[in-house]
PDB file of N, CA and C in Angstrom:
ATOM      1  N   MET A   1       5.932 -16.645   9.301  1.00  0.00           N
ATOM      2  CA  MET A   1       7.112 -16.379  10.102  1.00  0.00           C
ATOM      3  C   MET A   1       8.348 -16.750   9.306  1.00  0.00           C
ATOM      4  N   LEU A   2       9.360 -15.924   9.401  1.00  0.00           N
ATOM      5  CA  LEU A   2      10.623 -16.168   8.724  1.00  0.00           C
ATOM      6  C   LEU A   2      11.706 -16.355   9.774  1.00  0.00           C
ATOM      7  N   GLY A   3      12.242 -17.540   9.900  1.00  0.00           N
ATOM      8  CA  GLY A   3      13.332 -17.791  10.835  1.00  0.00           C
ATOM      9  C   GLY A   3      13.055 -17.334  12.253  1.00  0.00           C
ATOM     10  N   GLY A   4      11.835 -17.521  12.742  1.00  0.00           N
ATOM     11  CA  GLY A   4      11.523 -17.138  14.106  1.00  0.00           C
ATOM     12  C   GLY A   4      11.062 -15.700  14.252  1.00  0.00           C
ATOM     13  N   MET A   5      11.086 -14.940  13.157  1.00  0.00           N
ATOM     14  CA  MET A   5      10.645 -13.561  13.222  1.00  0.00           C
ATOM     15  C   MET A   5       9.333 -13.438  12.462  1.00  0.00           C
ATOM     16  N   SER A   6       8.474 -12.537  12.915  1.00  0.00           N
ATOM     17  CA  SER A   6       7.255 -12.294  12.155  1.00  0.00           C
ATOM     18  C   SER A   6       7.631 -11.598  10.858  1.00  0.00           C
ATOM     19  N   GLU A   7       6.728 -11.639   9.882  1.00  0.00           N
ATOM     20  CA  GLU A   7       7.001 -10.996   8.604  1.00  0.00           C
ATOM     21  C   GLU A   7       7.274  -9.510   8.801  1.00  0.00           C
ATOM     22  N   SER A   8       6.569  -8.858   9.736  1.00  0.00           N
ATOM     23  CA  SER A   8       6.755  -7.430   9.968  1.00  0.00           C
ATOM     24  C   SER A   8       8.152  -7.111  10.476  1.00  0.00           C
ATOM     25  N   SER A   9       8.658  -7.915  11.417  1.00  0.00           N
ATOM     26  CA  SER A   9       9.972  -7.603  11.979  1.00  0.00           C
ATOM     27  C   SER A   9      11.089  -7.905  10.991  1.00  0.00           C
ATOM     28  N   ALA A  10      10.813  -8.699   9.969  1.00  0.00           N
ATOM     29  CA  ALA A  10      11.829  -9.027   8.972  1.00  0.00           C
ATOM     30  C   ALA A  10      11.807  -8.053   7.793  1.00  0.00           C
ATOM     31  N   LEU A  11      10.937  -7.043   7.831  1.00  0.00           N
ATOM     32  CA  LEU A  11      10.811  -6.111   6.716  1.00  0.00           C
ATOM     33  C   LEU A  11      12.024  -5.226   6.550  1.00  0.00           C
ATOM     34  N   ASP A  12      12.310  -4.922   5.315  1.00  0.00           N
ATOM     35  CA  ASP A  12      13.287  -3.906   4.961  1.00  0.00           C
ATOM     36  C   ASP A  12      12.816  -2.578   5.564  1.00  0.00           C
ATOM     37  N   PRO A  13      13.721  -1.716   6.022  1.00  0.00           N
ATOM     38  CA  PRO A  13      13.299  -0.443   6.626  1.00  0.00           C
ATOM     39  C   PRO A  13      12.437   0.421   5.700  1.00  0.00           C
ATOM     40  N   GLU A  14      12.688   0.397   4.416  1.00  0.00           N
ATOM     41  CA  GLU A  14      11.881   1.181   3.475  1.00  0.00           C
ATOM     42  C   GLU A  14      10.471   0.612   3.355  1.00  0.00           C
ATOM     43  N   ASP A  15      10.334  -0.707   3.436  1.00  0.00           N
ATOM     44  CA  ASP A  15       9.010  -1.319   3.419  1.00  0.00           C
ATOM     45  C   ASP A  15       8.278  -1.033   4.729  1.00  0.00           C
ATOM     46  N   ARG A  16       8.987  -1.082   5.836  1.00  0.00           N
ATOM     47  CA  ARG A  16       8.395  -0.757   7.134  1.00  0.00           C
ATOM     48  C   ARG A  16       7.873   0.676   7.099  1.00  0.00           C
ATOM     49  N   LYS A  17       8.614   1.578   6.452  1.00  0.00           N
ATOM     50  CA  LYS A  17       8.216   2.984   6.359  1.00  0.00           C
ATOM     51  C   LYS A  17       6.870   3.131   5.646  1.00  0.00           C
ATOM     52  N   ILE A  18       6.676   2.437   4.520  1.00  0.00           N
ATOM     53  CA  ILE A  18       5.410   2.615   3.806  1.00  0.00           C
ATOM     54  C   ILE A  18       4.243   1.999   4.574  1.00  0.00           C
ATOM     55  N   VAL A  19       4.499   0.935   5.321  1.00  0.00           N
ATOM     56  CA  VAL A  19       3.440   0.365   6.164  1.00  0.00           C
ATOM     57  C   VAL A  19       3.069   1.365   7.262  1.00  0.00           C
ATOM     58  N   THR A  20       4.061   1.964   7.886  1.00  0.00           N
ATOM     59  CA  THR A  20       3.822   2.946   8.950  1.00  0.00           C
ATOM     60  C   THR A  20       3.058   4.157   8.429  1.00  0.00           C
ATOM     61  N   LEU A  21       3.449   4.651   7.256  1.00  0.00           N
ATOM     62  CA  LEU A  21       2.753   5.795   6.667  1.00  0.00           C
ATOM     63  C   LEU A  21       1.304   5.446   6.327  1.00  0.00           C
ATOM     64  N   ALA A  22       1.088   4.269   5.774  1.00  0.00           N
ATOM     65  CA  ALA A  22      -0.273   3.837   5.441  1.00  0.00           C
ATOM     66  C   ALA A  22      -1.124   3.720   6.707  1.00  0.00           C
ATOM     67  N   ARG A  23      -0.547   3.163   7.737  1.00  0.00           N
ATOM     68  CA  ARG A  23      -1.274   3.002   9.009  1.00  0.00           C
ATOM     69  C   ARG A  23      -1.621   4.361   9.606  1.00  0.00           C
ATOM     70  N   SER A  24      -0.679   5.296   9.579  1.00  0.00           N
ATOM     71  CA  SER A  24      -0.907   6.630  10.131  1.00  0.00           C
ATOM     72  C   SER A  24      -2.012   7.362   9.380  1.00  0.00           C
ATOM     73  N   THR A  25      -2.012   7.238   8.062  1.00  0.00           N
ATOM     74  CA  THR A  25      -3.042   7.900   7.259  1.00  0.00           C
ATOM     75  C   THR A  25      -4.418   7.327   7.556  1.00  0.00           C
ATOM     76  N   ARG A  26      -4.494   6.014   7.672  1.00  0.00           N
ATOM     77  CA  ARG A  26      -5.769   5.364   7.979  1.00  0.00           C
ATOM     78  C   ARG A  26      -6.318   5.884   9.307  1.00  0.00           C
ATOM     79  N   ALA A  27      -5.466   5.926  10.317  1.00  0.00           N
ATOM     80  CA  ALA A  27      -5.897   6.358  11.647  1.00  0.00           C
ATOM     81  C   ALA A  27      -6.228   7.855  11.675  1.00  0.00           C
ATOM     82  N   ARG A  28      -5.365   8.669  11.108  1.00  0.00           N
ATOM     83  CA  ARG A  28      -5.550  10.120  11.139  1.00  0.00           C
ATOM     84  C   ARG A  28      -6.835  10.541  10.423  1.00  0.00           C
ATOM     85  N   ASN A  29      -7.127   9.912   9.300  1.00  0.00           N
ATOM     86  CA  ASN A  29      -8.292  10.293   8.496  1.00  0.00           C
ATOM     87  C   ASN A  29      -9.540   9.479   8.814  1.00  0.00           C
ATOM     88  N   ALA A  30      -9.425   8.516   9.720  1.00  0.00           N
ATOM     89  CA  ALA A  30     -10.550   7.665  10.126  1.00  0.00           C
ATOM     90  C   ALA A  30     -11.258   7.065   8.909  1.00  0.00           C
ATOM     91  N   VAL A  31     -10.439   6.455   8.029  1.00  0.00           N
ATOM     92  CA  VAL A  31     -10.958   5.809   6.820  1.00  0.00           C
ATOM     93  C   VAL A  31     -10.714   4.296   6.916  1.00  0.00           C
ATOM     94  N   PRO A  32     -11.446   3.513   6.123  1.00  0.00           N
ATOM     95  CA  PRO A  32     -11.300   2.052   6.210  1.00  0.00           C
ATOM     96  C   PRO A  32      -9.915   1.531   5.846  1.00  0.00           C
ATOM     97  N   GLU A  33      -9.229   2.220   4.936  1.00  0.00           N
ATOM     98  CA  GLU A  33      -7.911   1.759   4.496  1.00  0.00           C
ATOM     99  C   GLU A  33      -6.942   2.932   4.363  1.00  0.00           C
ATOM    100  N   GLY A  34      -5.687   2.633   4.593  1.00  0.00           N
ATOM    101  CA  GLY A  34      -4.593   3.558   4.304  1.00  0.00           C
ATOM    102  C   GLY A  34      -3.615   2.820   3.416  1.00  0.00           C
ATOM    103  N   ALA A  35      -2.975   3.540   2.507  1.00  0.00           N
ATOM    104  CA  ALA A  35      -2.023   2.891   1.605  1.00  0.00           C
ATOM    105  C   ALA A  35      -0.861   3.827   1.324  1.00  0.00           C
ATOM    106  N   ALA A  36       0.240   3.217   0.909  1.00  0.00           N
ATOM    107  CA  ALA A  36       1.404   3.981   0.488  1.00  0.00           C
ATOM    108  C   ALA A  36       2.115   3.184  -0.599  1.00  0.00           C
ATOM    109  N   VAL A  37       2.686   3.905  -1.548  1.00  0.00           N
ATOM    110  CA  VAL A  37       3.495   3.291  -2.600  1.00  0.00           C
ATOM    111  C   VAL A  37       4.823   4.022  -2.669  1.00  0.00           C
ATOM    112  N   ARG A  38       5.851   3.290  -3.108  1.00  0.00           N
ATOM    113  CA  ARG A  38       7.188   3.861  -3.290  1.00  0.00           C
ATOM    114  C   ARG A  38       7.541   3.736  -4.763  1.00  0.00           C
ATOM    115  N   ASP A  39       7.926   4.853  -5.377  1.00  0.00           N
ATOM    116  CA  ASP A  39       8.228   4.813  -6.806  1.00  0.00           C
ATOM    117  C   ASP A  39       9.688   4.462  -7.061  1.00  0.00           C
ATOM    118  N   GLU A  40      10.059   4.475  -8.336  1.00  0.00           N
ATOM    119  CA  GLU A  40      11.391   4.058  -8.765  1.00  0.00           C
ATOM    120  C   GLU A  40      12.512   4.952  -8.250  1.00  0.00           C
ATOM    121  N   THR A  41      12.181   6.161  -7.795  1.00  0.00           N
ATOM    122  CA  THR A  41      13.208   7.063  -7.265  1.00  0.00           C
ATOM    123  C   THR A  41      13.218   7.086  -5.740  1.00  0.00           C
ATOM    124  N   GLY A  42      12.325   6.311  -5.119  1.00  0.00           N
ATOM    125  CA  GLY A  42      12.244   6.271  -3.668  1.00  0.00           C
ATOM    126  C   GLY A  42      11.219   7.225  -3.080  1.00  0.00           C
ATOM    127  N   ARG A  43      10.553   8.009  -3.930  1.00  0.00           N
ATOM    128  CA  ARG A  43       9.503   8.900  -3.423  1.00  0.00           C
ATOM    129  C   ARG A  43       8.311   8.069  -2.964  1.00  0.00           C
ATOM    130  N   THR A  44       7.629   8.566  -1.935  1.00  0.00           N
ATOM    131  CA  THR A  44       6.508   7.859  -1.349  1.00  0.00           C
ATOM    132  C   THR A  44       5.237   8.678  -1.511  1.00  0.00           C
ATOM    133  N   TYR A  45       4.152   7.988  -1.820  1.00  0.00           N
ATOM    134  CA  TYR A  45       2.835   8.601  -1.979  1.00  0.00           C
ATOM    135  C   TYR A  45       1.887   7.877  -1.036  1.00  0.00           C
ATOM    136  N   VAL A  46       1.151   8.640  -0.241  1.00  0.00           N
ATOM    137  CA  VAL A  46       0.310   8.079   0.808  1.00  0.00           C
ATOM    138  C   VAL A  46      -1.122   8.564   0.608  1.00  0.00           C
ATOM    139  N   ALA A  47      -2.091   7.668   0.821  1.00  0.00           N
ATOM    140  CA  ALA A  47      -3.492   8.038   0.629  1.00  0.00           C
ATOM    141  C   ALA A  47      -4.402   7.182   1.490  1.00  0.00           C
ATOM    142  N   GLY A  48      -5.599   7.690   1.677  1.00  0.00           N
ATOM    143  CA  GLY A  48      -6.652   6.947   2.334  1.00  0.00           C
ATOM    144  C   GLY A  48      -7.778   6.670   1.357  1.00  0.00           C
ATOM    145  N   THR A  49      -8.745   5.930   1.800  1.00  0.00           N
ATOM    146  CA  THR A  49      -9.916   5.623   0.998  1.00  0.00           C
ATOM    147  C   THR A  49     -10.618   6.917   0.593  1.00  0.00           C
ATOM    148  N   VAL A  50     -11.068   6.990  -0.662  1.00  0.00           N
ATOM    149  CA  VAL A  50     -11.859   8.121  -1.144  1.00  0.00           C
ATOM    150  C   VAL A  50     -13.289   7.623  -1.329  1.00  0.00           C
ATOM    151  N   ALA A  51     -14.219   8.235  -0.606  1.00  0.00           N
ATOM    152  CA  ALA A  51     -15.618   7.815  -0.682  1.00  0.00           C
ATOM    153  C   ALA A  51     -16.498   9.055  -0.827  1.00  0.00           C
ATOM    154  N   LEU A  52     -16.534   9.573  -2.055  1.00  0.00           N
ATOM    155  CA  LEU A  52     -17.414  10.688  -2.380  1.00  0.00           C
ATOM    156  C   LEU A  52     -18.642  10.146  -3.084  1.00  0.00           C
ATOM    157  N   GLU A  53     -19.663  10.950  -3.168  1.00  0.00           N
ATOM    158  CA  GLU A  53     -20.861  10.505  -3.860  1.00  0.00           C
ATOM    159  C   GLU A  53     -20.557  10.161  -5.319  1.00  0.00           C
ATOM    160  N   SER A  54     -19.684  10.948  -5.951  1.00  0.00           N
ATOM    161  CA  SER A  54     -19.403  10.749  -7.374  1.00  0.00           C
ATOM    162  C   SER A  54     -18.086  10.017  -7.650  1.00  0.00           C
ATOM    163  N   LEU A  55     -17.320   9.692  -6.619  1.00  0.00           N
ATOM    164  CA  LEU A  55     -16.012   9.061  -6.828  1.00  0.00           C
ATOM    165  C   LEU A  55     -15.688   8.136  -5.675  1.00  0.00           C
ATOM    166  N   ARG A  56     -15.375   6.901  -6.000  1.00  0.00           N
ATOM    167  CA  ARG A  56     -14.974   5.918  -4.988  1.00  0.00           C
ATOM    168  C   ARG A  56     -13.683   5.257  -5.432  1.00  0.00           C
ATOM    169  N   LEU A  57     -12.665   5.386  -4.594  1.00  0.00           N
ATOM    170  CA  LEU A  57     -11.370   4.763  -4.853  1.00  0.00           C
ATOM    171  C   LEU A  57     -10.873   4.126  -3.565  1.00  0.00           C
ATOM    172  N   THR A  58     -10.249   2.973  -3.706  1.00  0.00           N
ATOM    173  CA  THR A  58      -9.596   2.393  -2.543  1.00  0.00           C
ATOM    174  C   THR A  58      -8.360   3.233  -2.228  1.00  0.00           C
ATOM    175  N   ALA A  59      -7.828   3.046  -1.049  1.00  0.00           N
ATOM    176  CA  ALA A  59      -6.629   3.790  -0.660  1.00  0.00           C
ATOM    177  C   ALA A  59      -5.463   3.491  -1.612  1.00  0.00           C
ATOM    178  N   LEU A  60      -5.314   2.228  -1.989  1.00  0.00           N
ATOM    179  CA  LEU A  60      -4.198   1.866  -2.868  1.00  0.00           C
ATOM    180  C   LEU A  60      -4.386   2.443  -4.268  1.00  0.00           C
ATOM    181  N   GLN A  61      -5.602   2.434  -4.788  1.00  0.00           N
ATOM    182  CA  GLN A  61      -5.852   3.065  -6.087  1.00  0.00           C
ATOM    183  C   GLN A  61      -5.512   4.551  -6.024  1.00  0.00           C
ATOM    184  N   THR A  62      -5.867   5.204  -4.937  1.00  0.00           N
ATOM    185  CA  THR A  62      -5.595   6.632  -4.783  1.00  0.00           C
ATOM    186  C   THR A  62      -4.096   6.896  -4.705  1.00  0.00           C
ATOM    187  N   ALA A  63      -3.366   6.076  -3.964  1.00  0.00           N
ATOM    188  CA  ALA A  63      -1.913   6.257  -3.863  1.00  0.00           C
ATOM    189  C   ALA A  63      -1.238   6.055  -5.219  1.00  0.00           C
ATOM    190  N   VAL A  64      -1.681   5.053  -5.975  1.00  0.00           N
ATOM    191  CA  VAL A  64      -1.128   4.827  -7.318  1.00  0.00           C
ATOM    192  C   VAL A  64      -1.445   6.027  -8.207  1.00  0.00           C
ATOM    193  N   ALA A  65      -2.664   6.524  -8.147  1.00  0.00           N
ATOM    194  CA  ALA A  65      -3.042   7.686  -8.950  1.00  0.00           C
ATOM    195  C   ALA A  65      -2.194   8.902  -8.595  1.00  0.00           C
ATOM    196  N   MET A  66      -1.915   9.099  -7.318  1.00  0.00           N
ATOM    197  CA  MET A  66      -1.070  10.215  -6.893  1.00  0.00           C
ATOM    198  C   MET A  66       0.344  10.069  -7.461  1.00  0.00           C
ATOM    199  N   ALA A  67       0.864   8.846  -7.455  1.00  0.00           N
ATOM    200  CA  ALA A  67       2.192   8.603  -8.004  1.00  0.00           C
ATOM    201  C   ALA A  67       2.224   8.920  -9.500  1.00  0.00           C
ATOM    202  N   VAL A  68       1.225   8.447 -10.230  1.00  0.00           N
ATOM    203  CA  VAL A  68       1.144   8.714 -11.673  1.00  0.00           C
ATOM    204  C   VAL A  68       1.037  10.210 -11.926  1.00  0.00           C
ATOM    205  N   ALA A  69       0.177  10.886 -11.179  1.00  0.00           N
ATOM    206  CA  ALA A  69      -0.029  12.323 -11.362  1.00  0.00           C
ATOM    207  C   ALA A  69       1.234  13.127 -11.050  1.00  0.00           C
ATOM    208  N   SER A  70       2.116  12.549 -10.242  1.00  0.00           N
ATOM    209  CA  SER A  70       3.369  13.225  -9.884  1.00  0.00           C
ATOM    210  C   SER A  70       4.526  12.847 -10.794  1.00  0.00           C
ATOM    211  N   GLY A  71       4.259  12.006 -11.801  1.00  0.00           N
ATOM    212  CA  GLY A  71       5.293  11.675 -12.776  1.00  0.00           C
ATOM    213  C   GLY A  71       6.021  10.368 -12.563  1.00  0.00           C
ATOM    214  N   ALA A  72       5.601   9.564 -11.601  1.00  0.00           N
ATOM    215  CA  ALA A  72       6.255   8.265 -11.396  1.00  0.00           C
ATOM    216  C   ALA A  72       6.046   7.395 -12.631  1.00  0.00           C
ATOM    217  N   THR A  73       7.073   6.632 -12.964  1.00  0.00           N
ATOM    218  CA  THR A  73       6.977   5.731 -14.115  1.00  0.00           C
ATOM    219  C   THR A  73       6.995   4.266 -13.714  1.00  0.00           C
ATOM    220  N   SER A  74       7.248   3.989 -12.437  1.00  0.00           N
ATOM    221  CA  SER A  74       7.294   2.617 -11.945  1.00  0.00           C
ATOM    222  C   SER A  74       7.129   2.621 -10.427  1.00  0.00           C
ATOM    223  N   LEU A  75       6.791   1.472  -9.877  1.00  0.00           N
ATOM    224  CA  LEU A  75       6.695   1.310  -8.429  1.00  0.00           C
ATOM    225  C   LEU A  75       7.660   0.235  -7.964  1.00  0.00           C
ATOM    226  N   GLU A  76       8.259   0.467  -6.807  1.00  0.00           N
ATOM    227  CA  GLU A  76       9.108  -0.547  -6.172  1.00  0.00           C
ATOM    228  C   GLU A  76       8.296  -1.420  -5.223  1.00  0.00           C
ATOM    229  N   ALA A  77       7.322  -0.804  -4.520  1.00  0.00           N
ATOM    230  CA  ALA A  77       6.545  -1.544  -3.523  1.00  0.00           C
ATOM    231  C   ALA A  77       5.290  -0.764  -3.172  1.00  0.00           C
ATOM    232  N   ALA A  78       4.339  -1.483  -2.595  1.00  0.00           N
ATOM    233  CA  ALA A  78       3.091  -0.884  -2.140  1.00  0.00           C
ATOM    234  C   ALA A  78       2.701  -1.524  -0.820  1.00  0.00           C
ATOM    235  N   ALA A  79       1.931  -0.779  -0.022  1.00  0.00           N
ATOM    236  CA  ALA A  79       1.429  -1.310   1.242  1.00  0.00           C
ATOM    237  C   ALA A  79       0.017  -0.815   1.443  1.00  0.00           C
ATOM    238  N   VAL A  80      -0.810  -1.675   2.007  1.00  0.00           N
ATOM    239  CA  VAL A  80      -2.175  -1.286   2.364  1.00  0.00           C
ATOM    240  C   VAL A  80      -2.465  -1.793   3.767  1.00  0.00           C
ATOM    241  N   VAL A  81      -3.043  -0.913   4.584  1.00  0.00           N
ATOM    242  CA  VAL A  81      -3.444  -1.265   5.940  1.00  0.00           C
ATOM    243  C   VAL A  81      -4.962  -1.316   5.949  1.00  0.00           C
ATOM    244  N   THR A  82      -5.487  -2.479   6.294  1.00  0.00           N
ATOM    245  CA  THR A  82      -6.918  -2.715   6.190  1.00  0.00           C
ATOM    246  C   THR A  82      -7.324  -3.864   7.094  1.00  0.00           C
ATOM    247  N   GLU A  83      -8.612  -3.953   7.346  1.00  0.00           N
ATOM    248  CA  GLU A  83      -9.151  -5.104   8.056  1.00  0.00           C
ATOM    249  C   GLU A  83      -9.516  -6.221   7.087  1.00  0.00           C
ATOM    250  N   ALA A  84      -9.499  -5.932   5.793  1.00  0.00           N
ATOM    251  CA  ALA A  84      -9.841  -6.929   4.775  1.00  0.00           C
ATOM    252  C   ALA A  84      -8.824  -8.072   4.788  1.00  0.00           C
ATOM    253  N   GLY A  85      -9.249  -9.209   4.290  1.00  0.00           N
ATOM    254  CA  GLY A  85      -8.401 -10.394   4.283  1.00  0.00           C
ATOM    255  C   GLY A  85      -7.332 -10.408   3.210  1.00  0.00           C
ATOM    256  N   GLY A  86      -7.432  -9.511   2.246  1.00  0.00           N
ATOM    257  CA  GLY A  86      -6.443  -9.465   1.170  1.00  0.00           C
ATOM    258  C   GLY A  86      -6.672  -8.251   0.310  1.00  0.00           C
ATOM    259  N   PRO A  87      -5.691  -7.911  -0.505  1.00  0.00           N
ATOM    260  CA  PRO A  87      -5.880  -6.762  -1.390  1.00  0.00           C
ATOM    261  C   PRO A  87      -6.944  -7.069  -2.443  1.00  0.00           C
ATOM    262  N   ALA A  88      -7.713  -6.064  -2.780  1.00  0.00           N
ATOM    263  CA  ALA A  88      -8.741  -6.216  -3.810  1.00  0.00           C
ATOM    264  C   ALA A  88      -8.088  -6.412  -5.176  1.00  0.00           C
ATOM    265  N   ASP A  89      -8.770  -7.131  -6.060  1.00  0.00           N
ATOM    266  CA  ASP A  89      -8.255  -7.342  -7.415  1.00  0.00           C
ATOM    267  C   ASP A  89      -7.967  -6.019  -8.114  1.00  0.00           C
ATOM    268  N   ALA A  90      -8.839  -5.023  -7.905  1.00  0.00           N
ATOM    269  CA  ALA A  90      -8.635  -3.712  -8.528  1.00  0.00           C
ATOM    270  C   ALA A  90      -7.363  -3.037  -8.008  1.00  0.00           C
ATOM    271  N   ASP A  91      -7.037  -3.261  -6.728  1.00  0.00           N
ATOM    272  CA  ASP A  91      -5.800  -2.714  -6.161  1.00  0.00           C
ATOM    273  C   ASP A  91      -4.578  -3.352  -6.815  1.00  0.00           C
ATOM    274  N   LEU A  92      -4.608  -4.670  -6.922  1.00  0.00           N
ATOM    275  CA  LEU A  92      -3.481  -5.371  -7.550  1.00  0.00           C
ATOM    276  C   LEU A  92      -3.325  -4.942  -9.002  1.00  0.00           C
ATOM    277  N   ALA A  93      -4.436  -4.733  -9.695  1.00  0.00           N
ATOM    278  CA  ALA A  93      -4.380  -4.301 -11.090  1.00  0.00           C
ATOM    279  C   ALA A  93      -3.750  -2.920 -11.205  1.00  0.00           C
ATOM    280  N   ALA A  94      -4.102  -1.997 -10.316  1.00  0.00           N
ATOM    281  CA  ALA A  94      -3.532  -0.652 -10.353  1.00  0.00           C
ATOM    282  C   ALA A  94      -2.025  -0.685 -10.107  1.00  0.00           C
ATOM    283  N   VAL A  95      -1.602  -1.473  -9.129  1.00  0.00           N
ATOM    284  CA  VAL A  95      -0.165  -1.603  -8.841  1.00  0.00           C
ATOM    285  C   VAL A  95       0.547  -2.240 -10.031  1.00  0.00           C
ATOM    286  N   ARG A  96      -0.037  -3.254 -10.604  1.00  0.00           N
ATOM    287  CA  ARG A  96       0.548  -3.945 -11.757  1.00  0.00           C
ATOM    288  C   ARG A  96       0.674  -3.002 -12.958  1.00  0.00           C
ATOM    289  N   ASP A  97      -0.344  -2.157 -13.173  1.00  0.00           N
ATOM    290  CA  ASP A  97      -0.312  -1.211 -14.298  1.00  0.00           C
ATOM    291  C   ASP A  97       0.898  -0.298 -14.235  1.00  0.00           C
ATOM    292  N   LEU A  98       1.266   0.150 -13.052  1.00  0.00           N
ATOM    293  CA  LEU A  98       2.395   1.063 -12.923  1.00  0.00           C
ATOM    294  C   LEU A  98       3.688   0.348 -12.562  1.00  0.00           C
ATOM    295  N   GLY A  99       3.608  -0.662 -11.714  1.00  0.00           N
ATOM    296  CA  GLY A  99       4.822  -1.283 -11.210  1.00  0.00           C
ATOM    297  C   GLY A  99       5.240  -2.555 -11.911  1.00  0.00           C
ATOM    298  N   GLY A 100       4.325  -3.171 -12.623  1.00  0.00           N
ATOM    299  CA  GLY A 100       4.630  -4.439 -13.260  1.00  0.00           C
ATOM    300  C   GLY A 100       4.140  -5.599 -12.429  1.00  0.00           C
ATOM    301  N   PRO A 101       4.152  -6.798 -13.014  1.00  0.00           N
ATOM    302  CA  PRO A 101       3.554  -7.964 -12.360  1.00  0.00           C
ATOM    303  C   PRO A 101       4.297  -8.489 -11.131  1.00  0.00           C
ATOM    304  N   GLY A 102       5.503  -8.073 -10.875  1.00  0.00           N
ATOM    305  CA  GLY A 102       6.228  -8.591  -9.718  1.00  0.00           C
ATOM    306  C   GLY A 102       6.280  -7.648  -8.532  1.00  0.00           C
ATOM    307  N   THR A 103       5.601  -6.518  -8.615  1.00  0.00           N
ATOM    308  CA  THR A 103       5.670  -5.521  -7.543  1.00  0.00           C
ATOM    309  C   THR A 103       5.057  -6.066  -6.257  1.00  0.00           C
ATOM    310  N   PRO A 104       5.802  -6.028  -5.140  1.00  0.00           N
ATOM    311  CA  PRO A 104       5.251  -6.536  -3.887  1.00  0.00           C
ATOM    312  C   PRO A 104       4.197  -5.595  -3.308  1.00  0.00           C
ATOM    313  N   VAL A 105       3.104  -6.200  -2.819  1.00  0.00           N
ATOM    314  CA  VAL A 105       2.040  -5.465  -2.141  1.00  0.00           C
ATOM    315  C   VAL A 105       1.942  -6.049  -0.736  1.00  0.00           C
ATOM    316  N   LEU A 106       2.310  -5.249   0.245  1.00  0.00           N
ATOM    317  CA  LEU A 106       2.278  -5.668   1.644  1.00  0.00           C
ATOM    318  C   LEU A 106       0.888  -5.417   2.199  1.00  0.00           C
ATOM    319  N   LEU A 107       0.314  -6.404   2.824  1.00  0.00           N
ATOM    320  CA  LEU A 107      -0.992  -6.284   3.449  1.00  0.00           C
ATOM    321  C   LEU A 107      -0.788  -6.294   4.955  1.00  0.00           C
ATOM    322  N   ALA A 108      -1.214  -5.215   5.610  1.00  0.00           N
ATOM    323  CA  ALA A 108      -1.034  -5.114   7.055  1.00  0.00           C
ATOM    324  C   ALA A 108      -2.371  -4.900   7.747  1.00  0.00           C
ATOM    325  N   ALA A 109      -2.443  -5.394   8.958  1.00  0.00           N
ATOM    326  CA  ALA A 109      -3.609  -5.201   9.815  1.00  0.00           C
ATOM    327  C   ALA A 109      -3.578  -3.776  10.366  1.00  0.00           C
ATOM    328  N   PRO A 110      -4.677  -3.307  10.932  1.00  0.00           N
ATOM    329  CA  PRO A 110      -4.705  -1.959  11.507  1.00  0.00           C
ATOM    330  C   PRO A 110      -3.633  -1.693  12.572  1.00  0.00           C
ATOM    331  N   ASP A 111      -3.139  -2.738  13.230  1.00  0.00           N
ATOM    332  CA  ASP A 111      -2.069  -2.538  14.214  1.00  0.00           C
ATOM    333  C   ASP A 111      -0.689  -2.448  13.567  1.00  0.00           C
ATOM    334  N   GLY A 112      -0.626  -2.562  12.228  1.00  0.00           N
ATOM    335  CA  GLY A 112       0.639  -2.444  11.506  1.00  0.00           C
ATOM    336  C   GLY A 112       1.348  -3.756  11.270  1.00  0.00           C
ATOM    337  N   GLU A 113       0.809  -4.840  11.810  1.00  0.00           N
ATOM    338  CA  GLU A 113       1.438  -6.157  11.605  1.00  0.00           C
ATOM    339  C   GLU A 113       1.198  -6.624  10.170  1.00  0.00           C
ATOM    340  N   VAL A 114       2.281  -6.880   9.445  1.00  0.00           N
ATOM    341  CA  VAL A 114       2.142  -7.349   8.066  1.00  0.00           C
ATOM    342  C   VAL A 114       1.675  -8.793   8.075  1.00  0.00           C
ATOM    343  N   ARG A 115       0.557  -9.031   7.411  1.00  0.00           N
ATOM    344  CA  ARG A 115      -0.032 -10.372   7.369  1.00  0.00           C
ATOM    345  C   ARG A 115       0.415 -11.160   6.161  1.00  0.00           C
ATOM    346  N   SER A 116       0.671 -10.456   5.056  1.00  0.00           N
ATOM    347  CA  SER A 116       1.091 -11.169   3.849  1.00  0.00           C
ATOM    348  C   SER A 116       1.722 -10.206   2.854  1.00  0.00           C
ATOM    349  N   THR A 117       2.442 -10.780   1.911  1.00  0.00           N
ATOM    350  CA  THR A 117       2.980 -10.030   0.782  1.00  0.00           C
ATOM    351  C   THR A 117       2.531 -10.748  -0.475  1.00  0.00           C
ATOM    352  N   THR A 118       1.905  -9.997  -1.356  1.00  0.00           N
ATOM    353  CA  THR A 118       1.402 -10.520  -2.628  1.00  0.00           C
ATOM    354  C   THR A 118       2.158  -9.844  -3.747  1.00  0.00           C
ATOM    355  N   ARG A 119       2.369 -10.540  -4.828  1.00  0.00           N
ATOM    356  CA  ARG A 119       2.948  -9.925  -6.021  1.00  0.00           C
ATOM    357  C   ARG A 119       1.811  -9.476  -6.932  1.00  0.00           C
ATOM    358  N   ALA A 120       1.892  -8.223  -7.375  1.00  0.00           N
ATOM    359  CA  ALA A 120       0.815  -7.652  -8.225  1.00  0.00           C
ATOM    360  C   ALA A 120       0.696  -8.396  -9.533  1.00  0.00           C
TER     361      ALA A 120
END
């Protein structure tokens, strides 16, 4: 809690947007995780978990890959909506590879409540 407000209510509107997009993707696609990243120009990339027989990617890895494939050179922020207790090491590594070691990764519950912010 920050000054009597939950972490979610204290979010910057752009951070709230990526959490909302990640949550919507998770629900719409009925996947374990939804994620969104914002690049250096403010563009947003949204993805869900990929679980094919020959390819498995977390939602955050997929969103980072989409950003890279679209020409992004850096990330401002990332969000993942999941029931997991924290972002996977592989997720943090993917965000760090594109965004650098200080990129914030917002972890939200399925109801959209942000539980924590980690630096990649």
